[in-house]
């Protein structure tokens, strides 16, 4: 089953690290991803840029509204993710506990929803 490990971090935490500290943290995350890949669990992973350059889009009444970041009300931002194929939720939760980012962020473990392609077909 597929699980997404979402890294939810304080929007300010990246700015309090020195460049060397940031590079060291990034290297730890890369090694963690390499270990998951070697175990045959990793489907994809990415680090996301700051929410300061993000945009939120919503369509209401047929009209798109775009809100550019940063988002002052944001208490956390998605800093990155790991997409895994695990045997169980318990395995995904255990892996989340091994993620280096769990030391400074929250790792949210979510199963991917089943695909409803068959229901969308006419007939």
PDB file of N, CA and C in Angstrom:
ATOM      1  N   UNK A   1       0.837  -1.170   0.000  1.00  0.00           N
ATOM      2  CA  UNK A   1       0.000   0.000   0.000  1.00  0.00           C
ATOM      3  C   UNK A   1       0.886   1.239   0.000  1.00  0.00           C
ATOM      4  N   UNK A   2       0.415   2.300  -0.635  1.00  0.00           N
ATOM      5  CA  UNK A   2       1.201   3.531  -0.725  1.00  0.00           C
ATOM      6  C   UNK A   2       0.860   4.487   0.401  1.00  0.00           C
ATOM      7  N   UNK A   3       1.904   5.091   0.957  1.00  0.00           N
ATOM      8  CA  UNK A   3       1.775   6.066   2.029  1.00  0.00           C
ATOM      9  C   UNK A   3       2.618   7.288   1.713  1.00  0.00           C
ATOM     10  N   UNK A   4       2.079   8.439   2.051  1.00  0.00           N
ATOM     11  CA  UNK A   4       2.791   9.696   1.898  1.00  0.00           C
ATOM     12  C   UNK A   4       3.244  10.147   3.275  1.00  0.00           C
ATOM     13  N   UNK A   5       4.527  10.433   3.413  1.00  0.00           N
ATOM     14  CA  UNK A   5       5.050  11.047   4.622  1.00  0.00           C
ATOM     15  C   UNK A   5       5.209  12.529   4.306  1.00  0.00           C
ATOM     16  N   UNK A   6       4.338  13.344   4.874  1.00  0.00           N
ATOM     17  CA  UNK A   6       4.377  14.787   4.654  1.00  0.00           C
ATOM     18  C   UNK A   6       5.184  15.428   5.767  1.00  0.00           C
ATOM     19  N   UNK A   7       6.156  16.240   5.415  1.00  0.00           N
ATOM     20  CA  UNK A   7       6.996  16.906   6.399  1.00  0.00           C
ATOM     21  C   UNK A   7       6.400  18.288   6.650  1.00  0.00           C
ATOM     22  N   UNK A   8       5.789  18.454   7.821  1.00  0.00           N
ATOM     23  CA  UNK A   8       5.136  19.704   8.197  1.00  0.00           C
ATOM     24  C   UNK A   8       6.057  20.457   9.136  1.00  0.00           C
ATOM     25  N   UNK A   9       6.553  21.595   8.680  1.00  0.00           N
ATOM     26  CA  UNK A   9       7.549  22.315   9.463  1.00  0.00           C
ATOM     27  C   UNK A   9       7.132  23.753   9.733  1.00  0.00           C
ATOM     28  N   UNK A  10       7.720  24.320  10.753  1.00  0.00           N
ATOM     29  CA  UNK A  10       7.527  25.722  11.086  1.00  0.00           C
ATOM     30  C   UNK A  10       8.083  26.546   9.919  1.00  0.00           C
ATOM     31  N   UNK A  11       7.308  27.491   9.398  1.00  0.00           N
ATOM     32  CA  UNK A  11       7.786  28.275   8.254  1.00  0.00           C
ATOM     33  C   UNK A  11       9.075  29.044   8.528  1.00  0.00           C
ATOM     34  N   UNK A  12       9.371  29.307   9.787  1.00  0.00           N
ATOM     35  CA  UNK A  12      10.553  30.092  10.131  1.00  0.00           C
ATOM     36  C   UNK A  12      11.806  29.245  10.352  1.00  0.00           C
ATOM     37  N   UNK A  13      11.659  27.947  10.519  1.00  0.00           N
ATOM     38  CA  UNK A  13      12.783  27.130  10.971  1.00  0.00           C
ATOM     39  C   UNK A  13      13.941  27.064   9.986  1.00  0.00           C
ATOM     40  N   UNK A  14      13.678  27.152   8.699  1.00  0.00           N
ATOM     41  CA  UNK A  14      14.784  27.092   7.729  1.00  0.00           C
ATOM     42  C   UNK A  14      15.681  28.324   7.837  1.00  0.00           C
ATOM     43  N   UNK A  15      15.068  29.453   8.170  1.00  0.00           N
ATOM     44  CA  UNK A  15      15.817  30.706   8.246  1.00  0.00           C
ATOM     45  C   UNK A  15      16.709  30.833   9.462  1.00  0.00           C
ATOM     46  N   UNK A  16      16.538  29.966  10.458  1.00  0.00           N
ATOM     47  CA  UNK A  16      17.362  30.080  11.667  1.00  0.00           C
ATOM     48  C   UNK A  16      18.629  29.235  11.593  1.00  0.00           C
ATOM     49  N   UNK A  17      18.769  28.435  10.537  1.00  0.00           N
ATOM     50  CA  UNK A  17      19.965  27.608  10.357  1.00  0.00           C
ATOM     51  C   UNK A  17      21.014  28.370   9.561  1.00  0.00           C
ATOM     52  N   UNK A  18      22.269  28.097   9.873  1.00  0.00           N
ATOM     53  CA  UNK A  18      23.347  28.606   9.030  1.00  0.00           C
ATOM     54  C   UNK A  18      23.336  27.813   7.723  1.00  0.00           C
ATOM     55  N   UNK A  19      24.061  28.288   6.737  1.00  0.00           N
ATOM     56  CA  UNK A  19      24.123  27.562   5.467  1.00  0.00           C
ATOM     57  C   UNK A  19      24.715  26.174   5.669  1.00  0.00           C
ATOM     58  N   UNK A  20      25.753  26.081   6.504  1.00  0.00           N
ATOM     59  CA  UNK A  20      26.385  24.783   6.768  1.00  0.00           C
ATOM     60  C   UNK A  20      25.413  23.836   7.470  1.00  0.00           C
ATOM     61  N   UNK A  21      24.643  24.352   8.425  1.00  0.00           N
ATOM     62  CA  UNK A  21      23.656  23.526   9.110  1.00  0.00           C
ATOM     63  C   UNK A  21      22.575  23.049   8.141  1.00  0.00           C
ATOM     64  N   UNK A  22      22.133  23.929   7.260  1.00  0.00           N
ATOM     65  CA  UNK A  22      21.132  23.566   6.265  1.00  0.00           C
ATOM     66  C   UNK A  22      21.634  22.484   5.329  1.00  0.00           C
ATOM     67  N   UNK A  23      22.893  22.603   4.908  1.00  0.00           N
ATOM     68  CA  UNK A  23      23.473  21.591   4.026  1.00  0.00           C
ATOM     69  C   UNK A  23      23.608  20.246   4.735  1.00  0.00           C
ATOM     70  N   UNK A  24      23.960  20.280   6.024  1.00  0.00           N
ATOM     71  CA  UNK A  24      24.098  19.039   6.791  1.00  0.00           C
ATOM     72  C   UNK A  24      22.742  18.347   6.947  1.00  0.00           C
ATOM     73  N   UNK A  25      21.715  19.125   7.226  1.00  0.00           N
ATOM     74  CA  UNK A  25      20.356  18.574   7.361  1.00  0.00           C
ATOM     75  C   UNK A  25      19.913  17.975   6.026  1.00  0.00           C
ATOM     76  N   UNK A  26      20.153  18.688   4.953  1.00  0.00           N
ATOM     77  CA  UNK A  26      19.761  18.202   3.626  1.00  0.00           C
ATOM     78  C   UNK A  26      20.490  16.900   3.289  1.00  0.00           C
ATOM     79  N   UNK A  27      21.768  16.822   3.634  1.00  0.00           N
ATOM     80  CA  UNK A  27      22.544  15.607   3.379  1.00  0.00           C
ATOM     81  C   UNK A  27      21.971  14.426   4.164  1.00  0.00           C
ATOM     82  N   UNK A  28      21.547  14.660   5.402  1.00  0.00           N
ATOM     83  CA  UNK A  28      20.923  13.594   6.201  1.00  0.00           C
ATOM     84  C   UNK A  28      19.637  13.110   5.542  1.00  0.00           C
ATOM     85  N   UNK A  29      18.853  14.040   5.042  1.00  0.00           N
ATOM     86  CA  UNK A  29      17.598  13.663   4.390  1.00  0.00           C
ATOM     87  C   UNK A  29      17.863  12.867   3.110  1.00  0.00           C
ATOM     88  N   UNK A  30      18.887  13.259   2.354  1.00  0.00           N
ATOM     89  CA  UNK A  30      19.240  12.517   1.139  1.00  0.00           C
ATOM     90  C   UNK A  30      19.667  11.088   1.482  1.00  0.00           C
ATOM     91  N   UNK A  31      20.461  10.942   2.538  1.00  0.00           N
ATOM     92  CA  UNK A  31      20.889   9.598   2.955  1.00  0.00           C
ATOM     93  C   UNK A  31      19.689   8.756   3.376  1.00  0.00           C
ATOM     94  N   UNK A  32      18.749   9.369   4.098  1.00  0.00           N
ATOM     95  CA  UNK A  32      17.533   8.668   4.508  1.00  0.00           C
ATOM     96  C   UNK A  32      16.774   8.181   3.271  1.00  0.00           C
ATOM     97  N   UNK A  33      16.623   9.033   2.271  1.00  0.00           N
ATOM     98  CA  UNK A  33      15.954   8.652   1.032  1.00  0.00           C
ATOM     99  C   UNK A  33      16.692   7.534   0.313  1.00  0.00           C
ATOM    100  N   UNK A  34      18.018   7.611   0.295  1.00  0.00           N
ATOM    101  CA  UNK A  34      18.815   6.552  -0.340  1.00  0.00           C
ATOM    102  C   UNK A  34      18.619   5.214   0.369  1.00  0.00           C
ATOM    103  N   UNK A  35      18.529   5.244   1.706  1.00  0.00           N
ATOM    104  CA  UNK A  35      18.299   4.011   2.467  1.00  0.00           C
ATOM    105  C   UNK A  35      16.930   3.414   2.143  1.00  0.00           C
ATOM    106  N   UNK A  36      15.911   4.266   2.042  1.00  0.00           N
ATOM    107  CA  UNK A  36      14.571   3.783   1.691  1.00  0.00           C
ATOM    108  C   UNK A  36      14.559   3.195   0.285  1.00  0.00           C
ATOM    109  N   UNK A  37      15.279   3.838  -0.629  1.00  0.00           N
ATOM    110  CA  UNK A  37      15.358   3.335  -2.008  1.00  0.00           C
ATOM    111  C   UNK A  37      16.047   1.971  -2.042  1.00  0.00           C
ATOM    112  N   UNK A  38      17.123   1.850  -1.281  1.00  0.00           N
ATOM    113  CA  UNK A  38      17.853   0.576  -1.241  1.00  0.00           C
ATOM    114  C   UNK A  38      16.987  -0.543  -0.680  1.00  0.00           C
ATOM    115  N   UNK A  39      16.034  -0.205   0.196  1.00  0.00           N
ATOM    116  CA  UNK A  39      15.121  -1.198   0.777  1.00  0.00           C
ATOM    117  C   UNK A  39      13.925  -1.472  -0.126  1.00  0.00           C
ATOM    118  N   UNK A  40      13.846  -0.776  -1.257  1.00  0.00           N
ATOM    119  CA  UNK A  40      12.744  -0.983  -2.194  1.00  0.00           C
ATOM    120  C   UNK A  40      11.438  -0.351  -1.767  1.00  0.00           C
ATOM    121  N   UNK A  41      11.489   0.639  -0.867  1.00  0.00           N
ATOM    122  CA  UNK A  41      10.280   1.268  -0.338  1.00  0.00           C
ATOM    123  C   UNK A  41       9.955   2.615  -0.971  1.00  0.00           C
ATOM    124  N   UNK A  42      10.964   3.309  -1.464  1.00  0.00           N
ATOM    125  CA  UNK A  42      10.792   4.681  -1.935  1.00  0.00           C
ATOM    126  C   UNK A  42      10.245   4.731  -3.355  1.00  0.00           C
ATOM    127  N   UNK A  43       9.135   5.440  -3.518  1.00  0.00           N
ATOM    128  CA  UNK A  43       8.562   5.687  -4.841  1.00  0.00           C
ATOM    129  C   UNK A  43       9.041   7.044  -5.352  1.00  0.00           C
ATOM    130  N   UNK A  44       8.985   8.063  -4.484  1.00  0.00           N
ATOM    131  CA  UNK A  44       9.401   9.413  -4.863  1.00  0.00           C
ATOM    132  C   UNK A  44       9.635  10.225  -3.599  1.00  0.00           C
ATOM    133  N   UNK A  45      10.451  11.252  -3.715  1.00  0.00           N
ATOM    134  CA  UNK A  45      10.649  12.194  -2.616  1.00  0.00           C
ATOM    135  C   UNK A  45      11.122  13.522  -3.193  1.00  0.00           C
ATOM    136  N   UNK A  46      10.725  14.586  -2.528  1.00  0.00           N
ATOM    137  CA  UNK A  46      11.134  15.930  -2.944  1.00  0.00           C
ATOM    138  C   UNK A  46      11.133  16.855  -1.741  1.00  0.00           C
ATOM    139  N   UNK A  47      12.003  17.825  -1.790  1.00  0.00           N
ATOM    140  CA  UNK A  47      11.978  18.933  -0.846  1.00  0.00           C
ATOM    141  C   UNK A  47      11.280  20.084  -1.554  1.00  0.00           C
ATOM    142  N   UNK A  48      10.393  20.756  -0.853  1.00  0.00           N
ATOM    143  CA  UNK A  48       9.644  21.859  -1.454  1.00  0.00           C
ATOM    144  C   UNK A  48      10.234  23.191  -1.032  1.00  0.00           C
ATOM    145  N   UNK A  49      10.125  24.164  -1.919  1.00  0.00           N
ATOM    146  CA  UNK A  49      10.601  25.506  -1.612  1.00  0.00           C
ATOM    147  C   UNK A  49       9.733  26.170  -0.558  1.00  0.00           C
ATOM    148  N   UNK A  50      10.158  27.324  -0.136  1.00  0.00           N
ATOM    149  CA  UNK A  50       9.459  28.070   0.905  1.00  0.00           C
ATOM    150  C   UNK A  50       8.062  28.469   0.469  1.00  0.00           C
ATOM    151  N   UNK A  51       7.192  28.592   1.440  1.00  0.00           N
ATOM    152  CA  UNK A  51       5.827  29.046   1.166  1.00  0.00           C
ATOM    153  C   UNK A  51       5.809  30.519   0.760  1.00  0.00           C
ATOM    154  N   UNK A  52       6.919  31.222   0.939  1.00  0.00           N
ATOM    155  CA  UNK A  52       6.993  32.638   0.571  1.00  0.00           C
ATOM    156  C   UNK A  52       6.784  32.844  -0.929  1.00  0.00           C
ATOM    157  N   UNK A  53       7.156  31.858  -1.734  1.00  0.00           N
ATOM    158  CA  UNK A  53       7.004  31.968  -3.188  1.00  0.00           C
ATOM    159  C   UNK A  53       5.823  31.145  -3.702  1.00  0.00           C
ATOM    160  N   UNK A  54       5.026  30.623  -2.796  1.00  0.00           N
ATOM    161  CA  UNK A  54       3.894  29.784  -3.185  1.00  0.00           C
ATOM    162  C   UNK A  54       2.686  30.633  -3.578  1.00  0.00           C
ATOM    163  N   UNK A  55       1.726  29.985  -4.186  1.00  0.00           N
ATOM    164  CA  UNK A  55       0.449  30.629  -4.519  1.00  0.00           C
ATOM    165  C   UNK A  55      -0.667  29.665  -4.149  1.00  0.00           C
ATOM    166  N   UNK A  56      -1.752  30.210  -3.670  1.00  0.00           N
ATOM    167  CA  UNK A  56      -2.955  29.430  -3.396  1.00  0.00           C
ATOM    168  C   UNK A  56      -4.007  29.844  -4.406  1.00  0.00           C
ATOM    169  N   UNK A  57      -4.644  28.858  -5.004  1.00  0.00           N
ATOM    170  CA  UNK A  57      -5.652  29.122  -6.028  1.00  0.00           C
ATOM    171  C   UNK A  57      -6.957  28.462  -5.604  1.00  0.00           C
ATOM    172  N   UNK A  58      -8.027  29.222  -5.690  1.00  0.00           N
ATOM    173  CA  UNK A  58      -9.349  28.655  -5.468  1.00  0.00           C
ATOM    174  C   UNK A  58     -10.297  29.259  -6.490  1.00  0.00           C
ATOM    175  N   UNK A  59     -11.250  28.457  -6.917  1.00  0.00           N
ATOM    176  CA  UNK A  59     -12.245  28.909  -7.887  1.00  0.00           C
ATOM    177  C   UNK A  59     -13.598  28.919  -7.185  1.00  0.00           C
ATOM    178  N   UNK A  60     -14.216  30.083  -7.184  1.00  0.00           N
ATOM    179  CA  UNK A  60     -15.531  30.245  -6.572  1.00  0.00           C
ATOM    180  C   UNK A  60     -16.425  30.959  -7.577  1.00  0.00           C
ATOM    181  N   UNK A  61     -17.571  30.393  -7.819  1.00  0.00           N
ATOM    182  CA  UNK A  61     -18.484  30.997  -8.776  1.00  0.00           C
ATOM    183  C   UNK A  61     -17.878  31.125 -10.157  1.00  0.00           C
ATOM    184  N   UNK A  62     -17.017  30.172 -10.516  1.00  0.00           N
ATOM    185  CA  UNK A  62     -16.397  30.192 -11.838  1.00  0.00           C
ATOM    186  C   UNK A  62     -15.239  31.166 -11.981  1.00  0.00           C
ATOM    187  N   UNK A  63     -14.865  31.830 -10.900  1.00  0.00           N
ATOM    188  CA  UNK A  63     -13.793  32.830 -10.964  1.00  0.00           C
ATOM    189  C   UNK A  63     -12.617  32.396 -10.090  1.00  0.00           C
ATOM    190  N   UNK A  64     -11.421  32.396 -10.680  1.00  0.00           N
ATOM    191  CA  UNK A  64     -10.222  31.993  -9.947  1.00  0.00           C
ATOM    192  C   UNK A  64      -9.705  33.155  -9.106  1.00  0.00           C
ATOM    193  N   UNK A  65      -9.349  32.835  -7.883  1.00  0.00           N
ATOM    194  CA  UNK A  65      -8.722  33.803  -6.993  1.00  0.00           C
ATOM    195  C   UNK A  65      -7.346  33.255  -6.642  1.00  0.00           C
ATOM    196  N   UNK A  66      -6.316  34.080  -6.823  1.00  0.00           N
ATOM    197  CA  UNK A  66      -4.948  33.669  -6.543  1.00  0.00           C
ATOM    198  C   UNK A  66      -4.422  34.505  -5.385  1.00  0.00           C
ATOM    199  N   UNK A  67      -3.904  33.813  -4.370  1.00  0.00           N
ATOM    200  CA  UNK A  67      -3.292  34.486  -3.229  1.00  0.00           C
ATOM    201  C   UNK A  67      -1.828  34.096  -3.202  1.00  0.00           C
ATOM    202  N   UNK A  68      -0.961  35.087  -3.343  1.00  0.00           N
ATOM    203  CA  UNK A  68       0.477  34.831  -3.318  1.00  0.00           C
ATOM    204  C   UNK A  68       0.985  34.788  -1.885  1.00  0.00           C
ATOM    205  N   UNK A  69       1.961  33.902  -1.641  1.00  0.00           N
ATOM    206  CA  UNK A  69       2.588  33.786  -0.323  1.00  0.00           C
ATOM    207  C   UNK A  69       3.544  34.932  -0.088  1.00  0.00           C
ATOM    208  N   UNK A  70       4.085  35.064   1.096  1.00  0.00           N
ATOM    209  CA  UNK A  70       3.914  34.144   2.211  1.00  0.00           C
ATOM    210  C   UNK A  70       2.540  34.298   2.857  1.00  0.00           C
ATOM    211  N   UNK A  71       2.155  33.277   3.565  1.00  0.00           N
ATOM    212  CA  UNK A  71       0.843  33.243   4.187  1.00  0.00           C
ATOM    213  C   UNK A  71       1.010  33.448   5.683  1.00  0.00           C
ATOM    214  N   UNK A  72       0.713  34.648   6.138  1.00  0.00           N
ATOM    215  CA  UNK A  72       0.958  35.031   7.532  1.00  0.00           C
ATOM    216  C   UNK A  72       0.245  34.121   8.517  1.00  0.00           C
ATOM    217  N   UNK A  73      -0.909  33.602   8.127  1.00  0.00           N
ATOM    218  CA  UNK A  73      -1.672  32.762   9.054  1.00  0.00           C
ATOM    219  C   UNK A  73      -1.143  31.338   9.137  1.00  0.00           C
ATOM    220  N   UNK A  74      -0.193  30.992   8.282  1.00  0.00           N
ATOM    221  CA  UNK A  74       0.322  29.616   8.251  1.00  0.00           C
ATOM    222  C   UNK A  74       1.163  29.330   9.490  1.00  0.00           C
ATOM    223  N   UNK A  75       0.768  28.303  10.228  1.00  0.00           N
ATOM    224  CA  UNK A  75       1.535  27.874  11.388  1.00  0.00           C
ATOM    225  C   UNK A  75       2.543  26.805  11.004  1.00  0.00           C
ATOM    226  N   UNK A  76       2.328  26.208   9.852  1.00  0.00           N
ATOM    227  CA  UNK A  76       3.243  25.201   9.338  1.00  0.00           C
ATOM    228  C   UNK A  76       3.159  25.190   7.818  1.00  0.00           C
ATOM    229  N   UNK A  77       4.197  24.647   7.213  1.00  0.00           N
ATOM    230  CA  UNK A  77       4.196  24.501   5.760  1.00  0.00           C
ATOM    231  C   UNK A  77       4.657  23.093   5.438  1.00  0.00           C
ATOM    232  N   UNK A  78       4.248  22.604   4.277  1.00  0.00           N
ATOM    233  CA  UNK A  78       4.731  21.305   3.813  1.00  0.00           C
ATOM    234  C   UNK A  78       6.114  21.551   3.223  1.00  0.00           C
ATOM    235  N   UNK A  79       7.127  21.023   3.882  1.00  0.00           N
ATOM    236  CA  UNK A  79       8.500  21.246   3.455  1.00  0.00           C
ATOM    237  C   UNK A  79       9.001  20.206   2.472  1.00  0.00           C
ATOM    238  N   UNK A  80       8.308  19.078   2.398  1.00  0.00           N
ATOM    239  CA  UNK A  80       8.716  18.024   1.489  1.00  0.00           C
ATOM    240  C   UNK A  80       7.897  16.776   1.754  1.00  0.00           C
ATOM    241  N   UNK A  81       8.245  15.708   1.034  1.00  0.00           N
ATOM    242  CA  UNK A  81       7.494  14.461   1.192  1.00  0.00           C
ATOM    243  C   UNK A  81       8.333  13.273   0.766  1.00  0.00           C
ATOM    244  N   UNK A  82       7.921  12.119   1.270  1.00  0.00           N
ATOM    245  CA  UNK A  82       8.404  10.830   0.806  1.00  0.00           C
ATOM    246  C   UNK A  82       7.163  10.020   0.453  1.00  0.00           C
ATOM    247  N   UNK A  83       7.131   9.445  -0.724  1.00  0.00           N
ATOM    248  CA  UNK A  83       6.056   8.550  -1.126  1.00  0.00           C
ATOM    249  C   UNK A  83       6.619   7.136  -1.066  1.00  0.00           C
ATOM    250  N   UNK A  84       5.977   6.295  -0.251  1.00  0.00           N
ATOM    251  CA  UNK A  84       6.488   4.958   0.009  1.00  0.00           C
ATOM    252  C   UNK A  84       5.483   3.881  -0.364  1.00  0.00           C
ATOM    253  N   UNK A  85       5.982   2.707  -0.675  1.00  0.00           N
ATOM    254  CA  UNK A  85       5.166   1.495  -0.767  1.00  0.00           C
ATOM    255  C   UNK A  85       5.532   0.653   0.439  1.00  0.00           C
ATOM    256  N   UNK A  86       4.603   0.516   1.357  1.00  0.00           N
ATOM    257  CA  UNK A  86       4.836  -0.221   2.599  1.00  0.00           C
ATOM    258  C   UNK A  86       3.830  -1.352   2.719  1.00  0.00           C
ATOM    259  N   UNK A  87       4.168  -2.328   3.540  1.00  0.00           N
ATOM    260  CA  UNK A  87       3.275  -3.453   3.774  1.00  0.00           C
ATOM    261  C   UNK A  87       2.094  -3.054   4.645  1.00  0.00           C
ATOM    262  N   UNK A  88       2.290  -2.032   5.505  1.00  0.00           N
ATOM    263  CA  UNK A  88       1.232  -1.672   6.444  1.00  0.00           C
ATOM    264  C   UNK A  88       1.401  -0.227   6.917  1.00  0.00           C
ATOM    265  N   UNK A  89       0.342   0.277   7.536  1.00  0.00           N
ATOM    266  CA  UNK A  89       0.391   1.599   8.159  1.00  0.00           C
ATOM    267  C   UNK A  89       1.456   1.618   9.255  1.00  0.00           C
ATOM    268  N   UNK A  90       1.555   0.531  10.001  1.00  0.00           N
ATOM    269  CA  UNK A  90       2.519   0.446  11.085  1.00  0.00           C
ATOM    270  C   UNK A  90       3.946   0.600  10.562  1.00  0.00           C
ATOM    271  N   UNK A  91       4.224  -0.023   9.407  1.00  0.00           N
ATOM    272  CA  UNK A  91       5.557   0.109   8.819  1.00  0.00           C
ATOM    273  C   UNK A  91       5.808   1.563   8.414  1.00  0.00           C
ATOM    274  N   UNK A  92       4.818   2.221   7.813  1.00  0.00           N
ATOM    275  CA  UNK A  92       4.972   3.616   7.400  1.00  0.00           C
ATOM    276  C   UNK A  92       5.201   4.525   8.606  1.00  0.00           C
ATOM    277  N   UNK A  93       4.470   4.287   9.690  1.00  0.00           N
ATOM    278  CA  UNK A  93       4.643   5.082  10.915  1.00  0.00           C
ATOM    279  C   UNK A  93       6.034   4.856  11.502  1.00  0.00           C
ATOM    280  N   UNK A  94       6.502   3.621  11.498  1.00  0.00           N
ATOM    281  CA  UNK A  94       7.845   3.329  12.012  1.00  0.00           C
ATOM    282  C   UNK A  94       8.906   4.044  11.184  1.00  0.00           C
ATOM    283  N   UNK A  95       8.742   4.058   9.874  1.00  0.00           N
ATOM    284  CA  UNK A  95       9.696   4.747   9.000  1.00  0.00           C
ATOM    285  C   UNK A  95       9.665   6.251   9.273  1.00  0.00           C
ATOM    286  N   UNK A  96       8.467   6.802   9.482  1.00  0.00           N
ATOM    287  CA  UNK A  96       8.353   8.230   9.798  1.00  0.00           C
ATOM    288  C   UNK A  96       9.143   8.568  11.062  1.00  0.00           C
ATOM    289  N   UNK A  97       9.141   7.669  12.026  1.00  0.00           N
ATOM    290  CA  UNK A  97       9.895   7.888  13.253  1.00  0.00           C
ATOM    291  C   UNK A  97      11.393   7.846  13.055  1.00  0.00           C
ATOM    292  N   UNK A  98      11.852   7.268  11.957  1.00  0.00           N
ATOM    293  CA  UNK A  98      13.283   7.215  11.638  1.00  0.00           C
ATOM    294  C   UNK A  98      13.726   8.388  10.782  1.00  0.00           C
ATOM    295  N   UNK A  99      12.779   9.152  10.264  1.00  0.00           N
ATOM    296  CA  UNK A  99      13.102  10.271   9.375  1.00  0.00           C
ATOM    297  C   UNK A  99      13.812  11.372  10.156  1.00  0.00           C
ATOM    298  N   UNK A 100      14.954  11.847   9.666  1.00  0.00           N
ATOM    299  CA  UNK A 100      15.661  12.917  10.374  1.00  0.00           C
ATOM    300  C   UNK A 100      14.800  14.160  10.611  1.00  0.00           C
ATOM    301  N   UNK A 101      13.895  14.467   9.693  1.00  0.00           N
ATOM    302  CA  UNK A 101      13.066  15.665   9.834  1.00  0.00           C
ATOM    303  C   UNK A 101      12.146  15.595  11.044  1.00  0.00           C
ATOM    304  N   UNK A 102      11.889  14.398  11.575  1.00  0.00           N
ATOM    305  CA  UNK A 102      11.044  14.271  12.754  1.00  0.00           C
ATOM    306  C   UNK A 102      11.671  14.968  13.963  1.00  0.00           C
ATOM    307  N   UNK A 103      12.963  15.291  13.886  1.00  0.00           N
ATOM    308  CA  UNK A 103      13.648  15.998  14.970  1.00  0.00           C
ATOM    309  C   UNK A 103      13.284  17.480  15.014  1.00  0.00           C
ATOM    310  N   UNK A 104      12.847  18.077  13.900  1.00  0.00           N
ATOM    311  CA  UNK A 104      12.525  19.502  13.865  1.00  0.00           C
ATOM    312  C   UNK A 104      11.158  19.803  13.247  1.00  0.00           C
ATOM    313  N   UNK A 105      10.483  18.770  12.784  1.00  0.00           N
ATOM    314  CA  UNK A 105       9.197  18.949  12.110  1.00  0.00           C
ATOM    315  C   UNK A 105       8.262  17.825  12.540  1.00  0.00           C
ATOM    316  N   UNK A 106       7.038  17.886  12.065  1.00  0.00           N
ATOM    317  CA  UNK A 106       6.066  16.821  12.276  1.00  0.00           C
ATOM    318  C   UNK A 106       5.950  16.030  10.986  1.00  0.00           C
ATOM    319  N   UNK A 107       5.960  14.724  11.085  1.00  0.00           N
ATOM    320  CA  UNK A 107       5.795  13.878   9.907  1.00  0.00           C
ATOM    321  C   UNK A 107       4.378  13.320   9.947  1.00  0.00           C
ATOM    322  N   UNK A 108       3.571  13.724   8.985  1.00  0.00           N
ATOM    323  CA  UNK A 108       2.199  13.220   8.889  1.00  0.00           C
ATOM    324  C   UNK A 108       2.186  12.039   7.936  1.00  0.00           C
ATOM    325  N   UNK A 109       1.657  10.926   8.394  1.00  0.00           N
ATOM    326  CA  UNK A 109       1.595   9.696   7.597  1.00  0.00           C
ATOM    327  C   UNK A 109       0.172   9.546   7.071  1.00  0.00           C
ATOM    328  N   UNK A 110       0.048   9.499   5.737  1.00  0.00           N
ATOM    329  CA  UNK A 110      -1.286   9.374   5.143  1.00  0.00           C
ATOM    330  C   UNK A 110      -1.262   8.347   4.036  1.00  0.00           C
ATOM    331  N   UNK A 111      -2.248   7.464   4.062  1.00  0.00           N
ATOM    332  CA  UNK A 111      -2.419   6.492   2.982  1.00  0.00           C
ATOM    333  C   UNK A 111      -2.959   7.215   1.760  1.00  0.00           C
ATOM    334  N   UNK A 112      -2.538   6.790   0.590  1.00  0.00           N
ATOM    335  CA  UNK A 112      -3.121   7.323  -0.630  1.00  0.00           C
ATOM    336  C   UNK A 112      -4.515   6.740  -0.783  1.00  0.00           C
ATOM    337  N   UNK A 113      -5.445   7.568  -1.191  1.00  0.00           N
ATOM    338  CA  UNK A 113      -6.826   7.129  -1.369  1.00  0.00           C
ATOM    339  C   UNK A 113      -6.907   6.202  -2.568  1.00  0.00           C
ATOM    340  N   UNK A 114      -7.845   5.262  -2.525  1.00  0.00           N
ATOM    341  CA  UNK A 114      -8.022   4.381  -3.682  1.00  0.00           C
ATOM    342  C   UNK A 114      -8.450   5.193  -4.899  1.00  0.00           C
ATOM    343  N   UNK A 115      -8.107   4.701  -6.040  1.00  0.00           N
ATOM    344  CA  UNK A 115      -8.445   5.371  -7.301  1.00  0.00           C
ATOM    345  C   UNK A 115      -9.874   5.015  -7.690  1.00  0.00           C
ATOM    346  N   UNK A 116     -10.623   6.002  -8.101  1.00  0.00           N
ATOM    347  CA  UNK A 116     -12.018   5.779  -8.468  1.00  0.00           C
ATOM    348  C   UNK A 116     -12.237   5.927  -9.972  1.00  0.00           C
ATOM    349  N   UNK A 117     -11.252   5.529 -10.766  1.00  0.00           N
ATOM    350  CA  UNK A 117     -11.361   5.671 -12.220  1.00  0.00           C
ATOM    351  C   UNK A 117     -12.567   4.915 -12.772  1.00  0.00           C
ATOM    352  N   UNK A 118     -12.829   3.723 -12.242  1.00  0.00           N
ATOM    353  CA  UNK A 118     -13.936   2.916 -12.745  1.00  0.00           C
ATOM    354  C   UNK A 118     -15.268   3.624 -12.527  1.00  0.00           C
ATOM    355  N   UNK A 119     -15.426   4.315 -11.425  1.00  0.00           N
ATOM    356  CA  UNK A 119     -16.677   5.008 -11.115  1.00  0.00           C
ATOM    357  C   UNK A 119     -16.897   6.209 -12.030  1.00  0.00           C
ATOM    358  N   UNK A 120     -15.798   6.752 -12.579  1.00  0.00           N
ATOM    359  CA  UNK A 120     -15.903   7.933 -13.426  1.00  0.00           C
ATOM    360  C   UNK A 120     -16.291   7.591 -14.881  1.00  0.00           C
ATOM    361  N   UNK A 121     -16.185   6.326 -15.236  1.00  0.00           N
ATOM    362  CA  UNK A 121     -16.503   5.926 -16.602  1.00  0.00           C
ATOM    363  C   UNK A 121     -18.010   5.910 -16.819  1.00  0.00           C
ATOM    364  N   UNK A 122     -18.467   6.441 -17.961  1.00  0.00           N
ATOM    365  CA  UNK A 122     -19.906   6.427 -18.220  1.00  0.00           C
ATOM    366  C   UNK A 122     -20.425   5.000 -18.433  1.00  0.00           C
ATOM    367  N   UNK A 123     -21.666   4.819 -18.080  1.00  0.00           N
ATOM    368  CA  UNK A 123     -22.272   3.596 -18.455  1.00  0.00           C
ATOM    369  C   UNK A 123     -22.758   2.703 -17.469  1.00  0.00           C
TER     370      UNK A 123
END
